[in-house]
Amino acid sequence: MGDSHVHVEAAVVDRAADRRGLMASTFGLAGDLPSVVTSGCGARVPYAMTSPRPDSVTCAACREHARVEHLRFADTVERLARMPGSVVDVGRAKAAADEHRDLAERFARPPG
């Protein structure tokens, strides 16, 4: 019997589906999504068994991976906004960082 858990992609913040959507909306190109991806827990799983939504992910290791990655990304965004010469607006960076910290907090709670 296969793995019945829902996972997150290892690249939680930089998801393939998001890149595909950006390319499609910018250039009118739409590449195929991979059928199998590496998850946050290190397993190779069908793409259909992954989700970026905290309420859907049932793999505990993937939930922890997503929590850590969202916190790391939030810190990076804020740090980049404070750098001299940054084109990133501090207020927008804080809003984005807050959104990722909220996601991290939601991944820290058990699903359901």
N, C-alpha and C. Protein backbone atom coordinates (compact mmCIF):
# COMPACT_ATOMS: atom_id res chain seq x y z
N MET A 1 0.85 -1.18 0.00
CA MET A 1 0.00 0.00 0.00
C MET A 1 0.89 1.24 0.00
N GLY A 2 0.53 2.25 -0.79
CA GLY A 2 1.33 3.46 -0.93
C GLY A 2 1.12 4.42 0.23
N ASP A 3 1.87 5.49 0.18
CA ASP A 3 1.80 6.55 1.18
C ASP A 3 0.52 7.34 0.98
N SER A 4 -0.31 7.43 1.99
CA SER A 4 -1.59 8.15 1.87
C SER A 4 -1.51 9.58 2.40
N HIS A 5 -0.33 10.00 2.87
CA HIS A 5 -0.18 11.36 3.39
C HIS A 5 -0.14 12.39 2.28
N VAL A 6 -0.58 13.60 2.60
CA VAL A 6 -0.43 14.74 1.71
C VAL A 6 0.83 15.47 2.17
N HIS A 7 1.71 15.79 1.23
CA HIS A 7 3.02 16.38 1.52
C HIS A 7 3.10 17.81 1.01
N VAL A 8 4.25 18.45 1.25
CA VAL A 8 4.58 19.72 0.60
C VAL A 8 5.78 19.47 -0.29
N GLU A 9 5.92 20.29 -1.33
CA GLU A 9 7.12 20.21 -2.16
C GLU A 9 8.31 20.65 -1.32
N ALA A 10 9.48 20.11 -1.60
CA ALA A 10 10.68 20.50 -0.85
C ALA A 10 10.93 21.99 -0.99
N ALA A 11 10.70 22.53 -2.18
CA ALA A 11 10.85 23.97 -2.41
C ALA A 11 9.51 24.63 -2.08
N VAL A 12 9.21 24.73 -0.81
CA VAL A 12 7.90 25.20 -0.35
C VAL A 12 7.56 26.59 -0.89
N VAL A 13 8.50 27.50 -0.80
CA VAL A 13 8.24 28.88 -1.19
C VAL A 13 8.33 29.06 -2.70
N ASP A 14 9.18 28.31 -3.36
CA ASP A 14 9.41 28.42 -4.80
C ASP A 14 8.81 27.21 -5.51
N ARG A 15 7.49 27.11 -5.47
CA ARG A 15 6.80 25.93 -6.01
C ARG A 15 6.77 25.94 -7.54
N ALA A 16 6.85 24.76 -8.13
CA ALA A 16 6.83 24.60 -9.59
C ALA A 16 5.53 25.16 -10.18
N ALA A 17 4.42 24.96 -9.51
CA ALA A 17 3.14 25.43 -10.03
C ALA A 17 3.11 26.96 -10.09
N ASP A 18 3.72 27.62 -9.10
CA ASP A 18 3.77 29.07 -9.10
C ASP A 18 4.63 29.59 -10.26
N ARG A 19 5.78 28.94 -10.49
CA ARG A 19 6.64 29.33 -11.61
C ARG A 19 5.92 29.13 -12.93
N ARG A 20 5.21 28.02 -13.05
CA ARG A 20 4.47 27.72 -14.27
C ARG A 20 3.41 28.79 -14.52
N GLY A 21 2.69 29.18 -13.48
CA GLY A 21 1.67 30.22 -13.60
C GLY A 21 2.26 31.56 -14.01
N LEU A 22 3.41 31.89 -13.45
CA LEU A 22 4.09 33.14 -13.80
C LEU A 22 4.50 33.15 -15.27
N MET A 23 5.07 32.05 -15.73
CA MET A 23 5.49 31.95 -17.13
C MET A 23 4.27 32.03 -18.05
N ALA A 24 3.20 31.37 -17.67
CA ALA A 24 2.00 31.36 -18.50
C ALA A 24 1.40 32.76 -18.60
N SER A 25 1.34 33.47 -17.49
CA SER A 25 0.73 34.81 -17.51
C SER A 25 1.64 35.84 -18.16
N THR A 26 2.95 35.64 -18.07
CA THR A 26 3.89 36.61 -18.65
C THR A 26 4.12 36.39 -20.14
N PHE A 27 4.38 35.14 -20.51
CA PHE A 27 4.79 34.85 -21.88
C PHE A 27 3.78 34.01 -22.66
N GLY A 28 2.73 33.56 -22.02
CA GLY A 28 1.76 32.70 -22.69
C GLY A 28 2.27 31.28 -22.87
N LEU A 29 3.29 30.92 -22.08
CA LEU A 29 3.85 29.57 -22.14
C LEU A 29 3.38 28.79 -20.93
N ALA A 30 3.06 27.54 -21.13
CA ALA A 30 2.64 26.70 -20.00
C ALA A 30 3.29 25.33 -20.14
N GLY A 31 4.35 25.11 -19.39
CA GLY A 31 5.01 23.81 -19.39
C GLY A 31 4.26 22.82 -18.52
N ASP A 32 4.54 21.57 -18.73
CA ASP A 32 3.92 20.53 -17.92
C ASP A 32 4.52 20.51 -16.52
N LEU A 33 3.68 20.25 -15.54
CA LEU A 33 4.16 20.07 -14.18
C LEU A 33 4.74 18.67 -14.06
N PRO A 34 5.73 18.50 -13.19
CA PRO A 34 6.28 17.15 -13.02
C PRO A 34 5.24 16.23 -12.39
N SER A 35 5.30 14.95 -12.74
CA SER A 35 4.33 14.01 -12.17
C SER A 35 4.76 13.55 -10.78
N VAL A 36 6.08 13.59 -10.51
CA VAL A 36 6.63 13.19 -9.21
C VAL A 36 7.58 14.29 -8.74
N VAL A 37 7.49 14.64 -7.45
CA VAL A 37 8.35 15.69 -6.88
C VAL A 37 8.98 15.20 -5.58
N THR A 38 10.04 15.87 -5.17
CA THR A 38 10.64 15.60 -3.86
C THR A 38 9.88 16.42 -2.83
N SER A 39 9.45 15.76 -1.77
CA SER A 39 8.67 16.44 -0.74
C SER A 39 9.59 16.96 0.37
N GLY A 40 9.01 17.73 1.26
CA GLY A 40 9.75 18.30 2.37
C GLY A 40 10.35 17.26 3.30
N CYS A 41 9.76 16.06 3.34
CA CYS A 41 10.29 14.99 4.19
C CYS A 41 11.33 14.16 3.45
N GLY A 42 11.58 14.49 2.17
CA GLY A 42 12.59 13.78 1.39
C GLY A 42 12.05 12.67 0.52
N ALA A 43 10.78 12.33 0.66
CA ALA A 43 10.19 11.28 -0.16
C ALA A 43 9.87 11.81 -1.56
N ARG A 44 9.94 10.93 -2.54
CA ARG A 44 9.49 11.25 -3.90
C ARG A 44 8.02 10.83 -3.96
N VAL A 45 7.15 11.80 -4.21
CA VAL A 45 5.71 11.53 -4.19
C VAL A 45 5.05 12.10 -5.44
N PRO A 46 3.89 11.58 -5.81
CA PRO A 46 3.17 12.17 -6.93
C PRO A 46 2.84 13.64 -6.63
N TYR A 47 2.98 14.49 -7.64
CA TYR A 47 2.68 15.91 -7.45
C TYR A 47 1.26 16.09 -6.92
N ALA A 48 0.35 15.23 -7.37
CA ALA A 48 -1.05 15.32 -6.94
C ALA A 48 -1.21 15.09 -5.44
N MET A 49 -0.20 14.52 -4.78
CA MET A 49 -0.28 14.28 -3.34
C MET A 49 0.47 15.34 -2.54
N THR A 50 0.61 16.55 -3.14
CA THR A 50 1.24 17.67 -2.44
C THR A 50 0.26 18.83 -2.37
N SER A 51 0.49 19.69 -1.41
CA SER A 51 -0.34 20.89 -1.25
C SER A 51 0.46 21.96 -0.54
N PRO A 52 0.26 23.23 -0.91
CA PRO A 52 0.90 24.33 -0.17
C PRO A 52 0.04 24.80 1.01
N ARG A 53 -1.15 24.22 1.15
CA ARG A 53 -2.10 24.67 2.17
C ARG A 53 -1.89 23.92 3.48
N PRO A 54 -1.66 24.64 4.57
CA PRO A 54 -1.44 23.98 5.87
C PRO A 54 -2.56 23.06 6.30
N ASP A 55 -3.80 23.39 5.97
CA ASP A 55 -4.92 22.55 6.41
C ASP A 55 -5.02 21.25 5.64
N SER A 56 -4.25 21.11 4.54
CA SER A 56 -4.30 19.89 3.73
C SER A 56 -3.14 18.93 3.98
N VAL A 57 -2.02 19.44 4.46
CA VAL A 57 -0.81 18.62 4.60
C VAL A 57 -0.91 17.75 5.85
N THR A 58 -0.77 16.42 5.65
CA THR A 58 -0.92 15.48 6.76
C THR A 58 0.41 14.85 7.19
N CYS A 59 1.47 15.03 6.42
CA CYS A 59 2.78 14.48 6.78
C CYS A 59 3.44 15.41 7.81
N ALA A 60 3.70 14.90 8.99
CA ALA A 60 4.26 15.71 10.07
C ALA A 60 5.63 16.30 9.71
N ALA A 61 6.48 15.50 9.08
CA ALA A 61 7.81 15.99 8.70
C ALA A 61 7.71 17.09 7.65
N CYS A 62 6.78 16.96 6.73
CA CYS A 62 6.58 18.01 5.72
C CYS A 62 6.03 19.28 6.35
N ARG A 63 5.16 19.14 7.33
CA ARG A 63 4.62 20.32 8.02
C ARG A 63 5.74 21.08 8.71
N GLU A 64 6.65 20.36 9.37
CA GLU A 64 7.78 21.01 10.03
C GLU A 64 8.70 21.66 9.01
N HIS A 65 8.96 20.97 7.91
CA HIS A 65 9.79 21.53 6.85
C HIS A 65 9.19 22.84 6.32
N ALA A 66 7.88 22.83 6.07
CA ALA A 66 7.20 24.02 5.56
C ALA A 66 7.27 25.15 6.58
N ARG A 67 7.08 24.83 7.85
CA ARG A 67 7.16 25.86 8.90
C ARG A 67 8.51 26.54 8.89
N VAL A 68 9.57 25.75 8.89
CA VAL A 68 10.94 26.28 8.91
C VAL A 68 11.21 27.11 7.66
N GLU A 69 10.81 26.61 6.49
CA GLU A 69 11.07 27.32 5.24
C GLU A 69 10.32 28.65 5.16
N HIS A 70 9.10 28.70 5.64
CA HIS A 70 8.35 29.96 5.63
C HIS A 70 8.97 30.97 6.59
N LEU A 71 9.43 30.52 7.74
CA LEU A 71 10.11 31.42 8.68
C LEU A 71 11.42 31.95 8.08
N ARG A 72 12.16 31.06 7.45
CA ARG A 72 13.43 31.45 6.81
C ARG A 72 13.19 32.48 5.71
N PHE A 73 12.16 32.26 4.90
CA PHE A 73 11.86 33.18 3.81
C PHE A 73 11.42 34.54 4.36
N ALA A 74 10.62 34.54 5.42
CA ALA A 74 10.18 35.80 6.04
C ALA A 74 11.39 36.61 6.51
N ASP A 75 12.35 35.95 7.16
CA ASP A 75 13.55 36.65 7.60
C ASP A 75 14.35 37.20 6.43
N THR A 76 14.44 36.44 5.35
CA THR A 76 15.19 36.86 4.17
C THR A 76 14.56 38.09 3.54
N VAL A 77 13.25 38.09 3.40
CA VAL A 77 12.54 39.22 2.80
C VAL A 77 12.79 40.49 3.60
N GLU A 78 12.66 40.40 4.91
CA GLU A 78 12.89 41.58 5.75
C GLU A 78 14.34 42.04 5.68
N ARG A 79 15.27 41.11 5.66
CA ARG A 79 16.70 41.47 5.58
C ARG A 79 17.00 42.16 4.25
N LEU A 80 16.46 41.67 3.15
CA LEU A 80 16.69 42.28 1.84
C LEU A 80 16.12 43.69 1.78
N ALA A 81 14.98 43.91 2.39
CA ALA A 81 14.35 45.22 2.37
C ALA A 81 15.18 46.25 3.14
N ARG A 82 15.94 45.82 4.13
CA ARG A 82 16.74 46.74 4.95
C ARG A 82 18.11 47.04 4.35
N MET A 83 18.46 46.32 3.30
CA MET A 83 19.79 46.52 2.71
C MET A 83 19.86 47.88 2.01
N PRO A 84 21.01 48.56 2.11
CA PRO A 84 21.17 49.83 1.41
C PRO A 84 20.95 49.65 -0.10
N GLY A 85 20.18 50.54 -0.68
CA GLY A 85 19.93 50.49 -2.11
C GLY A 85 18.86 49.50 -2.53
N SER A 86 18.20 48.87 -1.56
CA SER A 86 17.18 47.88 -1.89
C SER A 86 16.00 48.55 -2.60
N VAL A 87 15.48 47.87 -3.59
CA VAL A 87 14.29 48.38 -4.28
C VAL A 87 13.02 47.81 -3.67
N VAL A 88 13.17 46.99 -2.64
CA VAL A 88 12.03 46.39 -1.96
C VAL A 88 11.55 47.36 -0.88
N ASP A 89 10.29 47.77 -0.98
CA ASP A 89 9.70 48.67 0.00
C ASP A 89 9.61 47.98 1.36
N VAL A 90 10.05 48.65 2.41
CA VAL A 90 10.07 48.06 3.75
C VAL A 90 8.67 47.64 4.21
N GLY A 91 7.68 48.47 3.92
CA GLY A 91 6.31 48.15 4.33
C GLY A 91 5.77 46.92 3.62
N ARG A 92 6.02 46.82 2.33
CA ARG A 92 5.56 45.65 1.57
C ARG A 92 6.32 44.40 2.00
N ALA A 93 7.61 44.56 2.30
CA ALA A 93 8.41 43.43 2.75
C ALA A 93 7.89 42.92 4.09
N LYS A 94 7.54 43.85 4.98
CA LYS A 94 7.01 43.44 6.28
C LYS A 94 5.68 42.70 6.11
N ALA A 95 4.84 43.20 5.21
CA ALA A 95 3.55 42.53 4.97
C ALA A 95 3.78 41.12 4.43
N ALA A 96 4.70 40.96 3.49
CA ALA A 96 5.00 39.64 2.93
C ALA A 96 5.58 38.73 4.01
N ALA A 97 6.50 39.27 4.82
CA ALA A 97 7.10 38.48 5.89
C ALA A 97 6.04 38.04 6.90
N ASP A 98 5.13 38.94 7.23
CA ASP A 98 4.05 38.60 8.17
C ASP A 98 3.17 37.49 7.61
N GLU A 99 2.90 37.53 6.31
CA GLU A 99 2.09 36.49 5.67
C GLU A 99 2.78 35.12 5.76
N HIS A 100 4.10 35.11 5.55
CA HIS A 100 4.83 33.84 5.64
C HIS A 100 4.96 33.36 7.09
N ARG A 101 5.07 34.27 8.02
CA ARG A 101 5.09 33.86 9.43
C ARG A 101 3.74 33.29 9.84
N ASP A 102 2.67 33.86 9.31
CA ASP A 102 1.34 33.31 9.57
C ASP A 102 1.22 31.89 9.00
N LEU A 103 1.72 31.69 7.79
CA LEU A 103 1.71 30.35 7.21
C LEU A 103 2.53 29.39 8.07
N ALA A 104 3.69 29.84 8.54
CA ALA A 104 4.53 28.99 9.39
C ALA A 104 3.78 28.59 10.65
N GLU A 105 3.07 29.54 11.24
CA GLU A 105 2.30 29.24 12.45
C GLU A 105 1.19 28.23 12.15
N ARG A 106 0.57 28.36 11.00
CA ARG A 106 -0.51 27.42 10.63
C ARG A 106 0.06 26.03 10.35
N PHE A 107 1.27 25.94 9.81
CA PHE A 107 1.90 24.63 9.61
C PHE A 107 2.30 24.00 10.94
N ALA A 108 2.53 24.83 11.97
CA ALA A 108 2.92 24.31 13.28
C ALA A 108 1.75 23.64 14.01
N ARG A 109 0.53 24.01 13.65
CA ARG A 109 -0.66 23.42 14.27
C ARG A 109 -1.03 22.13 13.55
N PRO A 110 -1.55 21.16 14.25
CA PRO A 110 -1.99 19.92 13.60
C PRO A 110 -3.12 20.22 12.60
N PRO A 111 -3.18 19.48 11.48
CA PRO A 111 -4.23 19.72 10.51
C PRO A 111 -5.59 19.32 11.06
N GLY A 112 -6.62 19.95 10.49
CA GLY A 112 -7.98 19.57 10.88
C GLY A 112 -8.54 20.46 11.84
